[in-house]
């Protein structure tokens, strides 16, 4: 699912990353304007053609947990200059 998610994020102008987790879930960190995020979220709920999406869980304060306090939204967006695929090395062992 992650290559297609990256393509969709690019279409919506979103930066961040996507990765498959060892238990089969997909994790997405998305950064963009509210409307862009809503568009990606609606697409994630459907998923690509062959995907089976059971549930989408949104945690909207993840950036606060990952970024130092005091940074504004622009500084947070600069942390992600594109939308990338991240790999979990133990997943491929």
PDB file of N, CA and C in Angstrom:
ATOM      1  N   UNK A   1       0.822  -1.198   0.000  1.00  0.00           N
ATOM      2  CA  UNK A   1       0.000   0.000   0.000  1.00  0.00           C
ATOM      3  C   UNK A   1       0.861   1.255   0.000  1.00  0.00           C
ATOM      4  N   UNK A   2       2.093   1.162   0.477  1.00  0.00           N
ATOM      5  CA  UNK A   2       2.851   2.399   0.656  1.00  0.00           C
ATOM      6  C   UNK A   2       3.246   3.130  -0.617  1.00  0.00           C
ATOM      7  N   UNK A   3       3.576   2.457  -1.752  1.00  0.00           N
ATOM      8  CA  UNK A   3       3.877   3.261  -2.949  1.00  0.00           C
ATOM      9  C   UNK A   3       2.668   4.071  -3.423  1.00  0.00           C
ATOM     10  N   UNK A   4       1.489   3.473  -3.352  1.00  0.00           N
ATOM     11  CA  UNK A   4       0.279   4.175  -3.789  1.00  0.00           C
ATOM     12  C   UNK A   4      -0.045   5.310  -2.824  1.00  0.00           C
ATOM     13  N   UNK A   5       0.182   5.090  -1.535  1.00  0.00           N
ATOM     14  CA  UNK A   5      -0.050   6.144  -0.546  1.00  0.00           C
ATOM     15  C   UNK A   5       0.867   7.324  -0.814  1.00  0.00           C
ATOM     16  N   UNK A   6       2.111   7.038  -1.153  1.00  0.00           N
ATOM     17  CA  UNK A   6       3.061   8.116  -1.478  1.00  0.00           C
ATOM     18  C   UNK A   6       2.562   8.904  -2.686  1.00  0.00           C
ATOM     19  N   UNK A   7       2.053   8.215  -3.696  1.00  0.00           N
ATOM     20  CA  UNK A   7       1.531   8.896  -4.884  1.00  0.00           C
ATOM     21  C   UNK A   7       0.340   9.784  -4.531  1.00  0.00           C
ATOM     22  N   UNK A   8      -0.571   9.268  -3.719  1.00  0.00           N
ATOM     23  CA  UNK A   8      -1.741  10.053  -3.323  1.00  0.00           C
ATOM     24  C   UNK A   8      -1.330  11.283  -2.513  1.00  0.00           C
ATOM     25  N   UNK A   9      -0.389  11.103  -1.607  1.00  0.00           N
ATOM     26  CA  UNK A   9       0.089  12.235  -0.808  1.00  0.00           C
ATOM     27  C   UNK A   9       0.663  13.318  -1.714  1.00  0.00           C
ATOM     28  N   UNK A  10       1.419  12.915  -2.724  1.00  0.00           N
ATOM     29  CA  UNK A  10       1.990  13.887  -3.666  1.00  0.00           C
ATOM     30  C   UNK A  10       0.875  14.631  -4.412  1.00  0.00           C
ATOM     31  N   UNK A  11      -0.171  13.914  -4.806  1.00  0.00           N
ATOM     32  CA  UNK A  11      -1.297  14.552  -5.497  1.00  0.00           C
ATOM     33  C   UNK A  11      -1.971  15.605  -4.623  1.00  0.00           C
ATOM     34  N   UNK A  12      -2.032  15.338  -3.317  1.00  0.00           N
ATOM     35  CA  UNK A  12      -2.678  16.267  -2.394  1.00  0.00           C
ATOM     36  C   UNK A  12      -1.721  17.322  -1.846  1.00  0.00           C
ATOM     37  N   UNK A  13      -0.434  17.256  -2.216  1.00  0.00           N
ATOM     38  CA  UNK A  13       0.537  18.237  -1.738  1.00  0.00           C
ATOM     39  C   UNK A  13       0.944  18.031  -0.289  1.00  0.00           C
ATOM     40  N   UNK A  14       0.933  16.782   0.150  1.00  0.00           N
ATOM     41  CA  UNK A  14       1.241  16.452   1.543  1.00  0.00           C
ATOM     42  C   UNK A  14       2.652  15.900   1.649  1.00  0.00           C
ATOM     43  N   UNK A  15       3.333  16.248   2.729  1.00  0.00           N
ATOM     44  CA  UNK A  15       4.642  15.687   3.009  1.00  0.00           C
ATOM     45  C   UNK A  15       4.528  14.768   4.220  1.00  0.00           C
ATOM     46  N   UNK A  16       5.554  13.968   4.449  1.00  0.00           N
ATOM     47  CA  UNK A  16       5.557  13.048   5.583  1.00  0.00           C
ATOM     48  C   UNK A  16       6.135  11.714   5.191  1.00  0.00           C
ATOM     49  N   UNK A  17       5.568  10.644   5.725  1.00  0.00           N
ATOM     50  CA  UNK A  17       6.061   9.306   5.408  1.00  0.00           C
ATOM     51  C   UNK A  17       4.990   8.253   5.633  1.00  0.00           C
ATOM     52  N   UNK A  18       5.247   7.071   5.094  1.00  0.00           N
ATOM     53  CA  UNK A  18       4.377   5.911   5.255  1.00  0.00           C
ATOM     54  C   UNK A  18       5.270   4.693   5.463  1.00  0.00           C
ATOM     55  N   UNK A  19       4.787   3.748   6.277  1.00  0.00           N
ATOM     56  CA  UNK A  19       5.534   2.501   6.457  1.00  0.00           C
ATOM     57  C   UNK A  19       4.569   1.382   6.815  1.00  0.00           C
ATOM     58  N   UNK A  20       4.922   0.191   6.376  1.00  0.00           N
ATOM     59  CA  UNK A  20       4.191  -1.011   6.756  1.00  0.00           C
ATOM     60  C   UNK A  20       4.760  -1.497   8.075  1.00  0.00           C
ATOM     61  N   UNK A  21       3.906  -1.857   8.991  1.00  0.00           N
ATOM     62  CA  UNK A  21       4.333  -2.382  10.281  1.00  0.00           C
ATOM     63  C   UNK A  21       4.348  -3.911  10.230  1.00  0.00           C
ATOM     64  N   UNK A  22       5.154  -4.542  11.073  1.00  0.00           N
ATOM     65  CA  UNK A  22       5.266  -6.007  11.037  1.00  0.00           C
ATOM     66  C   UNK A  22       3.942  -6.746  11.221  1.00  0.00           C
ATOM     67  N   UNK A  23       2.993  -6.131  11.902  1.00  0.00           N
ATOM     68  CA  UNK A  23       1.709  -6.805  12.143  1.00  0.00           C
ATOM     69  C   UNK A  23       0.702  -6.602  11.009  1.00  0.00           C
ATOM     70  N   UNK A  24       1.137  -5.973   9.899  1.00  0.00           N
ATOM     71  CA  UNK A  24       0.272  -5.787   8.741  1.00  0.00           C
ATOM     72  C   UNK A  24      -0.397  -4.431   8.658  1.00  0.00           C
ATOM     73  N   UNK A  25      -0.332  -3.654   9.739  1.00  0.00           N
ATOM     74  CA  UNK A  25      -0.908  -2.311   9.693  1.00  0.00           C
ATOM     75  C   UNK A  25       0.001  -1.383   8.890  1.00  0.00           C
ATOM     76  N   UNK A  26      -0.556  -0.275   8.469  1.00  0.00           N
ATOM     77  CA  UNK A  26       0.189   0.758   7.754  1.00  0.00           C
ATOM     78  C   UNK A  26       0.153   2.012   8.606  1.00  0.00           C
ATOM     79  N   UNK A  27       1.303   2.632   8.800  1.00  0.00           N
ATOM     80  CA  UNK A  27       1.395   3.858   9.594  1.00  0.00           C
ATOM     81  C   UNK A  27       1.758   5.013   8.671  1.00  0.00           C
ATOM     82  N   UNK A  28       1.047   6.131   8.825  1.00  0.00           N
ATOM     83  CA  UNK A  28       1.257   7.316   7.990  1.00  0.00           C
ATOM     84  C   UNK A  28       1.460   8.524   8.890  1.00  0.00           C
ATOM     85  N   UNK A  29       2.491   9.294   8.617  1.00  0.00           N
ATOM     86  CA  UNK A  29       2.697  10.602   9.247  1.00  0.00           C
ATOM     87  C   UNK A  29       2.534  11.617   8.126  1.00  0.00           C
ATOM     88  N   UNK A  30       1.492  12.422   8.194  1.00  0.00           N
ATOM     89  CA  UNK A  30       1.185  13.361   7.119  1.00  0.00           C
ATOM     90  C   UNK A  30       1.213  14.790   7.643  1.00  0.00           C
ATOM     91  N   UNK A  31       1.766  15.674   6.830  1.00  0.00           N
ATOM     92  CA  UNK A  31       1.870  17.077   7.204  1.00  0.00           C
ATOM     93  C   UNK A  31       1.387  17.931   6.034  1.00  0.00           C
ATOM     94  N   UNK A  32       0.415  18.792   6.292  1.00  0.00           N
ATOM     95  CA  UNK A  32      -0.116  19.655   5.243  1.00  0.00           C
ATOM     96  C   UNK A  32      -1.243  20.500   5.799  1.00  0.00           C
ATOM     97  N   UNK A  33      -1.902  21.197   4.916  1.00  0.00           N
ATOM     98  CA  UNK A  33      -3.041  22.007   5.315  1.00  0.00           C
ATOM     99  C   UNK A  33      -4.214  21.094   5.673  1.00  0.00           C
ATOM    100  N   UNK A  34      -5.126  21.596   6.473  1.00  0.00           N
ATOM    101  CA  UNK A  34      -6.240  20.786   6.965  1.00  0.00           C
ATOM    102  C   UNK A  34      -7.018  20.126   5.827  1.00  0.00           C
ATOM    103  N   UNK A  35      -7.336  20.873   4.786  1.00  0.00           N
ATOM    104  CA  UNK A  35      -8.112  20.318   3.678  1.00  0.00           C
ATOM    105  C   UNK A  35      -7.331  19.209   2.960  1.00  0.00           C
ATOM    106  N   UNK A  36      -6.036  19.385   2.803  1.00  0.00           N
ATOM    107  CA  UNK A  36      -5.206  18.352   2.175  1.00  0.00           C
ATOM    108  C   UNK A  36      -5.215  17.073   3.004  1.00  0.00           C
ATOM    109  N   UNK A  37      -5.093  17.232   4.315  1.00  0.00           N
ATOM    110  CA  UNK A  37      -5.086  16.075   5.211  1.00  0.00           C
ATOM    111  C   UNK A  37      -6.441  15.362   5.150  1.00  0.00           C
ATOM    112  N   UNK A  38      -7.523  16.124   5.097  1.00  0.00           N
ATOM    113  CA  UNK A  38      -8.854  15.516   4.998  1.00  0.00           C
ATOM    114  C   UNK A  38      -8.988  14.691   3.720  1.00  0.00           C
ATOM    115  N   UNK A  39      -8.442  15.217   2.614  1.00  0.00           N
ATOM    116  CA  UNK A  39      -8.509  14.482   1.350  1.00  0.00           C
ATOM    117  C   UNK A  39      -7.732  13.171   1.444  1.00  0.00           C
ATOM    118  N   UNK A  40      -6.535  13.222   2.005  1.00  0.00           N
ATOM    119  CA  UNK A  40      -5.749  12.002   2.155  1.00  0.00           C
ATOM    120  C   UNK A  40      -6.457  11.025   3.085  1.00  0.00           C
ATOM    121  N   UNK A  41      -7.016  11.518   4.157  1.00  0.00           N
ATOM    122  CA  UNK A  41      -7.716  10.664   5.109  1.00  0.00           C
ATOM    123  C   UNK A  41      -8.889   9.947   4.442  1.00  0.00           C
ATOM    124  N   UNK A  42      -9.653  10.657   3.629  1.00  0.00           N
ATOM    125  CA  UNK A  42     -10.762  10.020   2.914  1.00  0.00           C
ATOM    126  C   UNK A  42     -10.241   8.939   1.976  1.00  0.00           C
ATOM    127  N   UNK A  43      -9.120   9.193   1.306  1.00  0.00           N
ATOM    128  CA  UNK A  43      -8.545   8.178   0.428  1.00  0.00           C
ATOM    129  C   UNK A  43      -8.047   6.987   1.242  1.00  0.00           C
ATOM    130  N   UNK A  44      -7.403   7.248   2.387  1.00  0.00           N
ATOM    131  CA  UNK A  44      -6.896   6.165   3.224  1.00  0.00           C
ATOM    132  C   UNK A  44      -8.039   5.261   3.707  1.00  0.00           C
ATOM    133  N   UNK A  45      -9.191   5.818   3.952  1.00  0.00           N
ATOM    134  CA  UNK A  45     -10.333   5.019   4.399  1.00  0.00           C
ATOM    135  C   UNK A  45     -10.786   4.026   3.325  1.00  0.00           C
ATOM    136  N   UNK A  46     -10.586   4.378   2.067  1.00  0.00           N
ATOM    137  CA  UNK A  46     -10.916   3.483   0.951  1.00  0.00           C
ATOM    138  C   UNK A  46      -9.722   2.594   0.617  1.00  0.00           C
ATOM    139  N   UNK A  47      -8.534   3.201   0.595  1.00  0.00           N
ATOM    140  CA  UNK A  47      -7.319   2.479   0.228  1.00  0.00           C
ATOM    141  C   UNK A  47      -7.231   2.255  -1.269  1.00  0.00           C
ATOM    142  N   UNK A  48      -6.115   1.684  -1.719  1.00  0.00           N
ATOM    143  CA  UNK A  48      -5.984   1.365  -3.140  1.00  0.00           C
ATOM    144  C   UNK A  48      -6.916   0.218  -3.525  1.00  0.00           C
ATOM    145  N   UNK A  49      -7.029  -0.015  -4.798  1.00  0.00           N
ATOM    146  CA  UNK A  49      -8.006  -0.955  -5.340  1.00  0.00           C
ATOM    147  C   UNK A  49      -7.989  -2.334  -4.677  1.00  0.00           C
ATOM    148  N   UNK A  50      -6.852  -2.918  -4.446  1.00  0.00           N
ATOM    149  CA  UNK A  50      -6.768  -4.283  -3.920  1.00  0.00           C
ATOM    150  C   UNK A  50      -6.606  -4.338  -2.395  1.00  0.00           C
ATOM    151  N   UNK A  51      -6.625  -3.204  -1.738  1.00  0.00           N
ATOM    152  CA  UNK A  51      -6.417  -3.179  -0.285  1.00  0.00           C
ATOM    153  C   UNK A  51      -7.715  -3.489   0.456  1.00  0.00           C
ATOM    154  N   UNK A  52      -7.559  -3.969   1.665  1.00  0.00           N
ATOM    155  CA  UNK A  52      -8.696  -4.184   2.556  1.00  0.00           C
ATOM    156  C   UNK A  52      -8.469  -3.330   3.794  1.00  0.00           C
ATOM    157  N   UNK A  53      -9.135  -2.203   3.863  1.00  0.00           N
ATOM    158  CA  UNK A  53      -8.978  -1.279   4.992  1.00  0.00           C
ATOM    159  C   UNK A  53     -10.038  -1.620   6.029  1.00  0.00           C
ATOM    160  N   UNK A  54      -9.586  -2.021   7.198  1.00  0.00           N
ATOM    161  CA  UNK A  54     -10.511  -2.376   8.267  1.00  0.00           C
ATOM    162  C   UNK A  54     -10.813  -1.199   9.175  1.00  0.00           C
ATOM    163  N   UNK A  55      -9.824  -0.343   9.371  1.00  0.00           N
ATOM    164  CA  UNK A  55      -9.978   0.747  10.334  1.00  0.00           C
ATOM    165  C   UNK A  55      -8.920   1.816  10.052  1.00  0.00           C
ATOM    166  N   UNK A  56      -9.289   3.059  10.222  1.00  0.00           N
ATOM    167  CA  UNK A  56      -8.339   4.173  10.156  1.00  0.00           C
ATOM    168  C   UNK A  56      -8.406   4.889  11.492  1.00  0.00           C
ATOM    169  N   UNK A  57      -7.279   4.966  12.158  1.00  0.00           N
ATOM    170  CA  UNK A  57      -7.203   5.647  13.450  1.00  0.00           C
ATOM    171  C   UNK A  57      -6.388   6.917  13.269  1.00  0.00           C
ATOM    172  N   UNK A  58      -6.942   8.035  13.710  1.00  0.00           N
ATOM    173  CA  UNK A  58      -6.279   9.328  13.562  1.00  0.00           C
ATOM    174  C   UNK A  58      -5.819   9.810  14.931  1.00  0.00           C
ATOM    175  N   UNK A  59      -4.548  10.147  14.994  1.00  0.00           N
ATOM    176  CA  UNK A  59      -3.984  10.759  16.194  1.00  0.00           C
ATOM    177  C   UNK A  59      -3.452  12.110  15.745  1.00  0.00           C
ATOM    178  N   UNK A  60      -4.159  13.174  16.110  1.00  0.00           N
ATOM    179  CA  UNK A  60      -3.802  14.481  15.566  1.00  0.00           C
ATOM    180  C   UNK A  60      -2.787  15.244  16.389  1.00  0.00           C
ATOM    181  N   UNK A  61      -2.310  14.682  17.463  1.00  0.00           N
ATOM    182  CA  UNK A  61      -1.291  15.382  18.236  1.00  0.00           C
ATOM    183  C   UNK A  61       0.074  14.700  18.160  1.00  0.00           C
ATOM    184  N   UNK A  62       0.252  13.823  17.171  1.00  0.00           N
ATOM    185  CA  UNK A  62       1.524  13.124  17.030  1.00  0.00           C
ATOM    186  C   UNK A  62       2.660  14.102  16.795  1.00  0.00           C
ATOM    187  N   UNK A  63       2.428  15.140  16.005  1.00  0.00           N
ATOM    188  CA  UNK A  63       3.497  16.101  15.745  1.00  0.00           C
ATOM    189  C   UNK A  63       3.978  16.734  17.041  1.00  0.00           C
ATOM    190  N   UNK A  64       3.046  17.026  17.947  1.00  0.00           N
ATOM    191  CA  UNK A  64       3.451  17.601  19.221  1.00  0.00           C
ATOM    192  C   UNK A  64       4.372  16.663  19.977  1.00  0.00           C
ATOM    193  N   UNK A  65       4.133  15.378  19.846  1.00  0.00           N
ATOM    194  CA  UNK A  65       4.968  14.399  20.531  1.00  0.00           C
ATOM    195  C   UNK A  65       6.333  14.274  19.879  1.00  0.00           C
ATOM    196  N   UNK A  66       6.415  14.521  18.564  1.00  0.00           N
ATOM    197  CA  UNK A  66       7.673  14.329  17.840  1.00  0.00           C
ATOM    198  C   UNK A  66       8.507  15.592  17.715  1.00  0.00           C
ATOM    199  N   UNK A  67       7.897  16.754  17.778  1.00  0.00           N
ATOM    200  CA  UNK A  67       8.596  18.016  17.573  1.00  0.00           C
ATOM    201  C   UNK A  67       8.768  18.756  18.890  1.00  0.00           C
ATOM    202  N   UNK A  68       9.896  19.440  19.049  1.00  0.00           N
ATOM    203  CA  UNK A  68      10.103  20.215  20.271  1.00  0.00           C
ATOM    204  C   UNK A  68       9.029  21.282  20.442  1.00  0.00           C
ATOM    205  N   UNK A  69       8.660  21.534  21.664  1.00  0.00           N
ATOM    206  CA  UNK A  69       7.686  22.583  21.962  1.00  0.00           C
ATOM    207  C   UNK A  69       8.198  23.924  21.450  1.00  0.00           C
ATOM    208  N   UNK A  70       7.270  24.785  21.065  1.00  0.00           N
ATOM    209  CA  UNK A  70       7.644  26.121  20.617  1.00  0.00           C
ATOM    210  C   UNK A  70       7.779  26.242  19.112  1.00  0.00           C
ATOM    211  N   UNK A  71       7.799  25.123  18.388  1.00  0.00           N
ATOM    212  CA  UNK A  71       7.875  25.218  16.937  1.00  0.00           C
ATOM    213  C   UNK A  71       6.486  25.493  16.383  1.00  0.00           C
ATOM    214  N   UNK A  72       6.418  26.382  15.388  1.00  0.00           N
ATOM    215  CA  UNK A  72       5.128  26.638  14.767  1.00  0.00           C
ATOM    216  C   UNK A  72       4.896  25.651  13.619  1.00  0.00           C
ATOM    217  N   UNK A  73       3.706  25.722  13.007  1.00  0.00           N
ATOM    218  CA  UNK A  73       3.359  24.778  11.949  1.00  0.00           C
ATOM    219  C   UNK A  73       4.331  24.834  10.776  1.00  0.00           C
ATOM    220  N   UNK A  74       4.801  26.014  10.402  1.00  0.00           N
ATOM    221  CA  UNK A  74       5.730  26.128   9.283  1.00  0.00           C
ATOM    222  C   UNK A  74       7.023  25.384   9.592  1.00  0.00           C
ATOM    223  N   UNK A  75       7.547  25.541  10.781  1.00  0.00           N
ATOM    224  CA  UNK A  75       8.761  24.825  11.171  1.00  0.00           C
ATOM    225  C   UNK A  75       8.532  23.326  11.156  1.00  0.00           C
ATOM    226  N   UNK A  76       7.345  22.904  11.567  1.00  0.00           N
ATOM    227  CA  UNK A  76       7.033  21.478  11.551  1.00  0.00           C
ATOM    228  C   UNK A  76       6.970  20.964  10.120  1.00  0.00           C
ATOM    229  N   UNK A  77       6.356  21.726   9.199  1.00  0.00           N
ATOM    230  CA  UNK A  77       6.268  21.307   7.797  1.00  0.00           C
ATOM    231  C   UNK A  77       7.652  21.192   7.180  1.00  0.00           C
ATOM    232  N   UNK A  78       8.560  22.067   7.570  1.00  0.00           N
ATOM    233  CA  UNK A  78       9.903  22.024   7.007  1.00  0.00           C
ATOM    234  C   UNK A  78      10.649  20.752   7.411  1.00  0.00           C
ATOM    235  N   UNK A  79      10.202  20.104   8.474  1.00  0.00           N
ATOM    236  CA  UNK A  79      10.813  18.848   8.894  1.00  0.00           C
ATOM    237  C   UNK A  79      10.635  17.774   7.818  1.00  0.00           C
ATOM    238  N   UNK A  80       9.548  17.872   7.054  1.00  0.00           N
ATOM    239  CA  UNK A  80       9.249  16.927   5.980  1.00  0.00           C
ATOM    240  C   UNK A  80       9.267  17.687   4.662  1.00  0.00           C
ATOM    241  N   UNK A  81      10.272  17.462   3.840  1.00  0.00           N
ATOM    242  CA  UNK A  81      10.323  18.181   2.573  1.00  0.00           C
ATOM    243  C   UNK A  81       9.746  17.370   1.423  1.00  0.00           C
ATOM    244  N   UNK A  82       9.324  16.124   1.684  1.00  0.00           N
ATOM    245  CA  UNK A  82       8.704  15.272   0.677  1.00  0.00           C
ATOM    246  C   UNK A  82       7.907  14.196   1.410  1.00  0.00           C
ATOM    247  N   UNK A  83       7.293  13.303   0.668  1.00  0.00           N
ATOM    248  CA  UNK A  83       6.600  12.168   1.268  1.00  0.00           C
ATOM    249  C   UNK A  83       7.406  10.931   0.925  1.00  0.00           C
ATOM    250  N   UNK A  84       7.900  10.236   1.934  1.00  0.00           N
ATOM    251  CA  UNK A  84       8.810   9.115   1.695  1.00  0.00           C
ATOM    252  C   UNK A  84       8.263   7.811   2.250  1.00  0.00           C
ATOM    253  N   UNK A  85       8.892   6.737   1.835  1.00  0.00           N
ATOM    254  CA  UNK A  85       8.591   5.407   2.353  1.00  0.00           C
ATOM    255  C   UNK A  85       9.659   5.070   3.373  1.00  0.00           C
ATOM    256  N   UNK A  86       9.252   4.644   4.548  1.00  0.00           N
ATOM    257  CA  UNK A  86      10.198   4.220   5.583  1.00  0.00           C
ATOM    258  C   UNK A  86      10.095   2.716   5.742  1.00  0.00           C
ATOM    259  N   UNK A  87      11.226   2.105   6.004  1.00  0.00           N
ATOM    260  CA  UNK A  87      11.279   0.655   6.149  1.00  0.00           C
ATOM    261  C   UNK A  87      11.681   0.292   7.566  1.00  0.00           C
ATOM    262  N   UNK A  88      11.105  -0.781   8.075  1.00  0.00           N
ATOM    263  CA  UNK A  88      11.472  -1.310   9.377  1.00  0.00           C
ATOM    264  C   UNK A  88      12.363  -2.509   9.106  1.00  0.00           C
ATOM    265  N   UNK A  89      13.642  -2.401   9.453  1.00  0.00           N
ATOM    266  CA  UNK A  89      14.614  -3.415   9.073  1.00  0.00           C
ATOM    267  C   UNK A  89      14.270  -4.807   9.613  1.00  0.00           C
ATOM    268  N   UNK A  90      13.751  -4.908  10.831  1.00  0.00           N
ATOM    269  CA  UNK A  90      13.440  -6.222  11.388  1.00  0.00           C
ATOM    270  C   UNK A  90      12.286  -6.887  10.650  1.00  0.00           C
ATOM    271  N   UNK A  91      11.475  -6.091   9.953  1.00  0.00           N
ATOM    272  CA  UNK A  91      10.346  -6.622   9.196  1.00  0.00           C
ATOM    273  C   UNK A  91      10.826  -7.509   8.060  1.00  0.00           C
ATOM    274  N   UNK A  92      12.005  -7.203   7.509  1.00  0.00           N
ATOM    275  CA  UNK A  92      12.487  -7.917   6.323  1.00  0.00           C
ATOM    276  C   UNK A  92      13.448  -9.035   6.667  1.00  0.00           C
ATOM    277  N   UNK A  93      13.646  -9.354   7.929  1.00  0.00           N
ATOM    278  CA  UNK A  93      14.559 -10.429   8.332  1.00  0.00           C
ATOM    279  C   UNK A  93      13.895 -11.775   8.190  1.00  0.00           C
TER     280      UNK A  93
END
